[in-house]
Amino acid sequence: MATLKSLEQALREILQDDHKVSKYDAQVLKELILADGKVTREEKLFLERALVDNVFDEKAYEMLSKLLIRQDS
């Protein structure tokens, strides 16, 4: 399980460059989240906030929003 702090730090670092999350950036976040093979409730809450509050390109949004429907929390 990725800690909320590590996910927030990764997102901050991603957004420093161009203030947008690309599909490659989204892959990094996805790998952090799935490191233990599941998506926890806390990770889903992080994703929901991130997807609403930040700019994601279409592929990044699609990739990460799919994690919200996983049933393994």
PDB file of N, CA and C in Angstrom:
ATOM      1  N   MET A   1       0.841  -1.187   0.000  1.00  0.00           N
ATOM      2  CA  MET A   1       0.000   0.000   0.000  1.00  0.00           C
ATOM      3  C   MET A   1       0.883   1.246   0.000  1.00  0.00           C
ATOM      4  N   ALA A   2       0.610   2.117  -0.917  1.00  0.00           N
ATOM      5  CA  ALA A   2       1.304   3.406  -0.934  1.00  0.00           C
ATOM      6  C   ALA A   2       0.730   4.267   0.177  1.00  0.00           C
ATOM      7  N   THR A   3       1.593   4.981   0.846  1.00  0.00           N
ATOM      8  CA  THR A   3       1.073   5.881   1.870  1.00  0.00           C
ATOM      9  C   THR A   3       0.502   7.119   1.198  1.00  0.00           C
ATOM     10  N   LEU A   4      -0.457   7.704   1.856  1.00  0.00           N
ATOM     11  CA  LEU A   4      -1.068   8.921   1.336  1.00  0.00           C
ATOM     12  C   LEU A   4      -0.006  10.003   1.147  1.00  0.00           C
ATOM     13  N   LYS A   5       0.927  10.065   2.064  1.00  0.00           N
ATOM     14  CA  LYS A   5       1.988  11.059   1.990  1.00  0.00           C
ATOM     15  C   LYS A   5       2.853  10.839   0.748  1.00  0.00           C
ATOM     16  N   SER A   6       3.195   9.589   0.441  1.00  0.00           N
ATOM     17  CA  SER A   6       4.031   9.322  -0.728  1.00  0.00           C
ATOM     18  C   SER A   6       3.278   9.617  -2.025  1.00  0.00           C
ATOM     19  N   LEU A   7       1.983   9.329  -2.062  1.00  0.00           N
ATOM     20  CA  LEU A   7       1.180   9.638  -3.245  1.00  0.00           C
ATOM     21  C   LEU A   7       1.065  11.145  -3.452  1.00  0.00           C
ATOM     22  N   GLU A   8       0.816  11.866  -2.374  1.00  0.00           N
ATOM     23  CA  GLU A   8       0.707  13.317  -2.472  1.00  0.00           C
ATOM     24  C   GLU A   8       2.029  13.941  -2.906  1.00  0.00           C
ATOM     25  N   GLN A   9       3.130  13.420  -2.387  1.00  0.00           N
ATOM     26  CA  GLN A   9       4.455  13.921  -2.772  1.00  0.00           C
ATOM     27  C   GLN A   9       4.715  13.643  -4.247  1.00  0.00           C
ATOM     28  N   ALA A  10       4.399  12.452  -4.704  1.00  0.00           N
ATOM     29  CA  ALA A  10       4.599  12.113  -6.119  1.00  0.00           C
ATOM     30  C   ALA A  10       3.775  13.025  -7.015  1.00  0.00           C
ATOM     31  N   LEU A  11       2.532  13.287  -6.649  1.00  0.00           N
ATOM     32  CA  LEU A  11       1.679  14.160  -7.450  1.00  0.00           C
ATOM     33  C   LEU A  11       2.227  15.589  -7.473  1.00  0.00           C
ATOM     34  N   ARG A  12       2.700  16.079  -6.331  1.00  0.00           N
ATOM     35  CA  ARG A  12       3.294  17.424  -6.280  1.00  0.00           C
ATOM     36  C   ARG A  12       4.491  17.522  -7.234  1.00  0.00           C
ATOM     37  N   GLU A  13       5.347  16.489  -7.213  1.00  0.00           N
ATOM     38  CA  GLU A  13       6.524  16.493  -8.079  1.00  0.00           C
ATOM     39  C   GLU A  13       6.125  16.462  -9.550  1.00  0.00           C
ATOM     40  N   ILE A  14       5.119  15.679  -9.880  1.00  0.00           N
ATOM     41  CA  ILE A  14       4.635  15.596 -11.256  1.00  0.00           C
ATOM     42  C   ILE A  14       4.109  16.951 -11.723  1.00  0.00           C
ATOM     43  N   LEU A  15       3.359  17.617 -10.872  1.00  0.00           N
ATOM     44  CA  LEU A  15       2.718  18.874 -11.247  1.00  0.00           C
ATOM     45  C   LEU A  15       3.685  20.055 -11.291  1.00  0.00           C
ATOM     46  N   GLN A  16       4.876  19.910 -10.735  1.00  0.00           N
ATOM     47  CA  GLN A  16       5.849  21.006 -10.727  1.00  0.00           C
ATOM     48  C   GLN A  16       6.283  21.388 -12.138  1.00  0.00           C
ATOM     49  N   ASP A  17       6.397  20.415 -13.018  1.00  0.00           N
ATOM     50  CA  ASP A  17       6.918  20.689 -14.359  1.00  0.00           C
ATOM     51  C   ASP A  17       5.955  21.490 -15.219  1.00  0.00           C
ATOM     52  N   ASP A  18       4.838  20.892 -15.584  1.00  0.00           N
ATOM     53  CA  ASP A  18       3.934  21.589 -16.495  1.00  0.00           C
ATOM     54  C   ASP A  18       2.509  21.677 -15.967  1.00  0.00           C
ATOM     55  N   HIS A  19       2.324  21.380 -14.703  1.00  0.00           N
ATOM     56  CA  HIS A  19       1.015  21.484 -14.044  1.00  0.00           C
ATOM     57  C   HIS A  19      -0.048  20.588 -14.681  1.00  0.00           C
ATOM     58  N   LYS A  20       0.415  19.510 -15.321  1.00  0.00           N
ATOM     59  CA  LYS A  20      -0.502  18.579 -15.959  1.00  0.00           C
ATOM     60  C   LYS A  20       0.027  17.167 -15.781  1.00  0.00           C
ATOM     61  N   VAL A  21      -0.874  16.211 -15.611  1.00  0.00           N
ATOM     62  CA  VAL A  21      -0.492  14.811 -15.435  1.00  0.00           C
ATOM     63  C   VAL A  21      -0.668  14.101 -16.768  1.00  0.00           C
ATOM     64  N   SER A  22       0.436  13.570 -17.293  1.00  0.00           N
ATOM     65  CA  SER A  22       0.401  12.835 -18.554  1.00  0.00           C
ATOM     66  C   SER A  22       0.131  11.355 -18.277  1.00  0.00           C
ATOM     67  N   LYS A  23      -0.029  10.581 -19.341  1.00  0.00           N
ATOM     68  CA  LYS A  23      -0.249   9.143 -19.157  1.00  0.00           C
ATOM     69  C   LYS A  23       0.978   8.487 -18.532  1.00  0.00           C
ATOM     70  N   TYR A  24       2.156   9.008 -18.799  1.00  0.00           N
ATOM     71  CA  TYR A  24       3.374   8.454 -18.205  1.00  0.00           C
ATOM     72  C   TYR A  24       3.437   8.762 -16.710  1.00  0.00           C
ATOM     73  N   ASP A  25       3.031   9.959 -16.343  1.00  0.00           N
ATOM     74  CA  ASP A  25       2.956  10.330 -14.927  1.00  0.00           C
ATOM     75  C   ASP A  25       1.909   9.473 -14.223  1.00  0.00           C
ATOM     76  N   ALA A  26       0.786   9.262 -14.893  1.00  0.00           N
ATOM     77  CA  ALA A  26      -0.285   8.451 -14.319  1.00  0.00           C
ATOM     78  C   ALA A  26       0.189   7.025 -14.092  1.00  0.00           C
ATOM     79  N   GLN A  27       1.031   6.527 -14.974  1.00  0.00           N
ATOM     80  CA  GLN A  27       1.565   5.168 -14.811  1.00  0.00           C
ATOM     81  C   GLN A  27       2.382   5.062 -13.531  1.00  0.00           C
ATOM     82  N   VAL A  28       3.154   6.109 -13.225  1.00  0.00           N
ATOM     83  CA  VAL A  28       3.941   6.121 -11.988  1.00  0.00           C
ATOM     84  C   VAL A  28       3.011   6.066 -10.780  1.00  0.00           C
ATOM     85  N   LEU A  29       1.971   6.884 -10.781  1.00  0.00           N
ATOM     86  CA  LEU A  29       1.009   6.874  -9.675  1.00  0.00           C
ATOM     87  C   LEU A  29       0.320   5.517  -9.566  1.00  0.00           C
ATOM     88  N   LYS A  30      -0.056   4.955 -10.695  1.00  0.00           N
ATOM     89  CA  LYS A  30      -0.720   3.652 -10.703  1.00  0.00           C
ATOM     90  C   LYS A  30       0.181   2.577 -10.103  1.00  0.00           C
ATOM     91  N   GLU A  31       1.447   2.582 -10.470  1.00  0.00           N
ATOM     92  CA  GLU A  31       2.387   1.602  -9.931  1.00  0.00           C
ATOM     93  C   GLU A  31       2.562   1.756  -8.425  1.00  0.00           C
ATOM     94  N   LEU A  32       2.596   2.995  -7.946  1.00  0.00           N
ATOM     95  CA  LEU A  32       2.680   3.221  -6.499  1.00  0.00           C
ATOM     96  C   LEU A  32       1.450   2.647  -5.796  1.00  0.00           C
ATOM     97  N   ILE A  33       0.294   2.904  -6.373  1.00  0.00           N
ATOM     98  CA  ILE A  33      -0.959   2.456  -5.764  1.00  0.00           C
ATOM     99  C   ILE A  33      -1.073   0.938  -5.786  1.00  0.00           C
ATOM    100  N   LEU A  34      -0.652   0.324  -6.884  1.00  0.00           N
ATOM    101  CA  LEU A  34      -0.816  -1.127  -7.036  1.00  0.00           C
ATOM    102  C   LEU A  34       0.386  -1.932  -6.551  1.00  0.00           C
ATOM    103  N   ALA A  35       1.303  -1.292  -5.868  1.00  0.00           N
ATOM    104  CA  ALA A  35       2.499  -1.994  -5.396  1.00  0.00           C
ATOM    105  C   ALA A  35       2.160  -3.221  -4.560  1.00  0.00           C
ATOM    106  N   ASP A  36       1.055  -3.163  -3.818  1.00  0.00           N
ATOM    107  CA  ASP A  36       0.653  -4.304  -2.996  1.00  0.00           C
ATOM    108  C   ASP A  36      -0.454  -5.127  -3.652  1.00  0.00           C
ATOM    109  N   GLY A  37      -0.826  -4.773  -4.883  1.00  0.00           N
ATOM    110  CA  GLY A  37      -1.820  -5.536  -5.621  1.00  0.00           C
ATOM    111  C   GLY A  37      -3.265  -5.161  -5.383  1.00  0.00           C
ATOM    112  N   LYS A  38      -3.495  -4.134  -4.582  1.00  0.00           N
ATOM    113  CA  LYS A  38      -4.877  -3.719  -4.331  1.00  0.00           C
ATOM    114  C   LYS A  38      -4.962  -2.204  -4.182  1.00  0.00           C
ATOM    115  N   VAL A  39      -6.188  -1.715  -4.250  1.00  0.00           N
ATOM    116  CA  VAL A  39      -6.438  -0.286  -4.096  1.00  0.00           C
ATOM    117  C   VAL A  39      -7.257  -0.098  -2.824  1.00  0.00           C
ATOM    118  N   THR A  40      -6.662   0.554  -1.853  1.00  0.00           N
ATOM    119  CA  THR A  40      -7.333   0.745  -0.567  1.00  0.00           C
ATOM    120  C   THR A  40      -8.333   1.897  -0.649  1.00  0.00           C
ATOM    121  N   ARG A  41      -9.148   2.000   0.358  1.00  0.00           N
ATOM    122  CA  ARG A  41     -10.125   3.095   0.450  1.00  0.00           C
ATOM    123  C   ARG A  41      -9.418   4.447   0.450  1.00  0.00           C
ATOM    124  N   GLU A  42      -8.310   4.548   1.183  1.00  0.00           N
ATOM    125  CA  GLU A  42      -7.552   5.794   1.251  1.00  0.00           C
ATOM    126  C   GLU A  42      -6.973   6.166  -0.113  1.00  0.00           C
ATOM    127  N   GLU A  43      -6.489   5.160  -0.834  1.00  0.00           N
ATOM    128  CA  GLU A  43      -5.947   5.417  -2.164  1.00  0.00           C
ATOM    129  C   GLU A  43      -7.054   5.867  -3.128  1.00  0.00           C
ATOM    130  N   LYS A  44      -8.236   5.288  -2.997  1.00  0.00           N
ATOM    131  CA  LYS A  44      -9.363   5.703  -3.835  1.00  0.00           C
ATOM    132  C   LYS A  44      -9.762   7.144  -3.522  1.00  0.00           C
ATOM    133  N   LEU A  45      -9.776   7.507  -2.250  1.00  0.00           N
ATOM    134  CA  LEU A  45     -10.091   8.890  -1.881  1.00  0.00           C
ATOM    135  C   LEU A  45      -9.056   9.856  -2.448  1.00  0.00           C
ATOM    136  N   PHE A  46      -7.783   9.473  -2.380  1.00  0.00           N
ATOM    137  CA  PHE A  46      -6.725  10.290  -2.963  1.00  0.00           C
ATOM    138  C   PHE A  46      -6.975  10.479  -4.458  1.00  0.00           C
ATOM    139  N   LEU A  47      -7.273   9.383  -5.156  1.00  0.00           N
ATOM    140  CA  LEU A  47      -7.521   9.450  -6.597  1.00  0.00           C
ATOM    141  C   LEU A  47      -8.701  10.344  -6.929  1.00  0.00           C
ATOM    142  N   GLU A  48      -9.783  10.202  -6.171  1.00  0.00           N
ATOM    143  CA  GLU A  48     -10.962  11.037  -6.424  1.00  0.00           C
ATOM    144  C   GLU A  48     -10.611  12.517  -6.312  1.00  0.00           C
ATOM    145  N   ARG A  49      -9.900  12.881  -5.259  1.00  0.00           N
ATOM    146  CA  ARG A  49      -9.510  14.286  -5.065  1.00  0.00           C
ATOM    147  C   ARG A  49      -8.568  14.744  -6.175  1.00  0.00           C
ATOM    148  N   ALA A  50      -7.596  13.902  -6.500  1.00  0.00           N
ATOM    149  CA  ALA A  50      -6.619  14.266  -7.530  1.00  0.00           C
ATOM    150  C   ALA A  50      -7.285  14.456  -8.886  1.00  0.00           C
ATOM    151  N   LEU A  51      -8.214  13.578  -9.227  1.00  0.00           N
ATOM    152  CA  LEU A  51      -8.871  13.666 -10.532  1.00  0.00           C
ATOM    153  C   LEU A  51      -9.763  14.892 -10.642  1.00  0.00           C
ATOM    154  N   VAL A  52     -10.313  15.341  -9.531  1.00  0.00           N
ATOM    155  CA  VAL A  52     -11.174  16.521  -9.540  1.00  0.00           C
ATOM    156  C   VAL A  52     -10.341  17.808  -9.484  1.00  0.00           C
ATOM    157  N   ASP A  53      -9.282  17.794  -8.691  1.00  0.00           N
ATOM    158  CA  ASP A  53      -8.535  19.022  -8.398  1.00  0.00           C
ATOM    159  C   ASP A  53      -7.383  19.336  -9.350  1.00  0.00           C
ATOM    160  N   ASN A  54      -7.004  18.397 -10.225  1.00  0.00           N
ATOM    161  CA  ASN A  54      -5.820  18.593 -11.054  1.00  0.00           C
ATOM    162  C   ASN A  54      -6.130  18.355 -12.526  1.00  0.00           C
ATOM    163  N   VAL A  55      -5.190  18.745 -13.345  1.00  0.00           N
ATOM    164  CA  VAL A  55      -5.348  18.609 -14.787  1.00  0.00           C
ATOM    165  C   VAL A  55      -4.675  17.317 -15.253  1.00  0.00           C
ATOM    166  N   PHE A  56      -5.474  16.411 -15.775  1.00  0.00           N
ATOM    167  CA  PHE A  56      -4.980  15.142 -16.303  1.00  0.00           C
ATOM    168  C   PHE A  56      -5.272  15.100 -17.792  1.00  0.00           C
ATOM    169  N   ASP A  57      -4.317  14.595 -18.579  1.00  0.00           N
ATOM    170  CA  ASP A  57      -4.673  14.410 -19.979  1.00  0.00           C
ATOM    171  C   ASP A  57      -5.648  13.237 -20.072  1.00  0.00           C
ATOM    172  N   GLU A  58      -6.247  13.059 -21.215  1.00  0.00           N
ATOM    173  CA  GLU A  58      -7.329  12.085 -21.363  1.00  0.00           C
ATOM    174  C   GLU A  58      -6.900  10.664 -20.996  1.00  0.00           C
ATOM    175  N   LYS A  59      -5.746  10.235 -21.456  1.00  0.00           N
ATOM    176  CA  LYS A  59      -5.282   8.870 -21.180  1.00  0.00           C
ATOM    177  C   LYS A  59      -4.955   8.686 -19.700  1.00  0.00           C
ATOM    178  N   ALA A  60      -4.384   9.706 -19.076  1.00  0.00           N
ATOM    179  CA  ALA A  60      -4.066   9.638 -17.650  1.00  0.00           C
ATOM    180  C   ALA A  60      -5.343   9.534 -16.831  1.00  0.00           C
ATOM    181  N   TYR A  61      -6.322  10.347 -17.179  1.00  0.00           N
ATOM    182  CA  TYR A  61      -7.600  10.325 -16.464  1.00  0.00           C
ATOM    183  C   TYR A  61      -8.252   8.949 -16.593  1.00  0.00           C
ATOM    184  N   GLU A  62      -8.267   8.430 -17.802  1.00  0.00           N
ATOM    185  CA  GLU A  62      -8.874   7.123 -18.046  1.00  0.00           C
ATOM    186  C   GLU A  62      -8.173   6.023 -17.238  1.00  0.00           C
ATOM    187  N   MET A  63      -6.851   6.036 -17.251  1.00  0.00           N
ATOM    188  CA  MET A  63      -6.070   5.017 -16.558  1.00  0.00           C
ATOM    189  C   MET A  63      -6.345   5.028 -15.055  1.00  0.00           C
ATOM    190  N   LEU A  64      -6.307   6.207 -14.461  1.00  0.00           N
ATOM    191  CA  LEU A  64      -6.460   6.285 -13.009  1.00  0.00           C
ATOM    192  C   LEU A  64      -7.907   6.156 -12.559  1.00  0.00           C
ATOM    193  N   SER A  65      -8.840   6.616 -13.362  1.00  0.00           N
ATOM    194  CA  SER A  65     -10.245   6.489 -12.961  1.00  0.00           C
ATOM    195  C   SER A  65     -10.685   5.024 -12.929  1.00  0.00           C
ATOM    196  N   LYS A  66     -10.046   4.186 -13.719  1.00  0.00           N
ATOM    197  CA  LYS A  66     -10.368   2.751 -13.695  1.00  0.00           C
ATOM    198  C   LYS A  66     -10.026   2.121 -12.340  1.00  0.00           C
ATOM    199  N   LEU A  67      -9.045   2.681 -11.657  1.00  0.00           N
ATOM    200  CA  LEU A  67      -8.678   2.146 -10.344  1.00  0.00           C
ATOM    201  C   LEU A  67      -9.775   2.370  -9.312  1.00  0.00           C
ATOM    202  N   LEU A  68     -10.615   3.372  -9.550  1.00  0.00           N
ATOM    203  CA  LEU A  68     -11.685   3.679  -8.601  1.00  0.00           C
ATOM    204  C   LEU A  68     -12.766   2.598  -8.559  1.00  0.00           C
ATOM    205  N   ILE A  69     -12.908   1.828  -9.622  1.00  0.00           N
ATOM    206  CA  ILE A  69     -13.974   0.822  -9.657  1.00  0.00           C
ATOM    207  C   ILE A  69     -13.498  -0.551  -9.186  1.00  0.00           C
ATOM    208  N   ARG A  70     -12.225  -0.675  -8.850  1.00  0.00           N
ATOM    209  CA  ARG A  70     -11.729  -1.963  -8.344  1.00  0.00           C
ATOM    210  C   ARG A  70     -12.417  -2.305  -7.032  1.00  0.00           C
ATOM    211  N   GLN A  71     -12.663  -3.558  -6.830  1.00  0.00           N
ATOM    212  CA  GLN A  71     -13.394  -4.028  -5.651  1.00  0.00           C
ATOM    213  C   GLN A  71     -12.504  -4.676  -4.584  1.00  0.00           C
ATOM    214  N   ASP A  72     -11.218  -4.346  -4.577  1.00  0.00           N
ATOM    215  CA  ASP A  72     -10.308  -5.018  -3.652  1.00  0.00           C
ATOM    216  C   ASP A  72      -9.870  -4.147  -2.480  1.00  0.00           C
ATOM    217  N   SER A  73     -10.621  -3.121  -2.162  1.00  0.00           N
ATOM    218  CA  SER A  73     -10.252  -2.261  -1.043  1.00  0.00           C
ATOM    219  C   SER A  73     -10.648  -2.954   0.225  1.00  0.00           C
TER     220      SER A  73
END
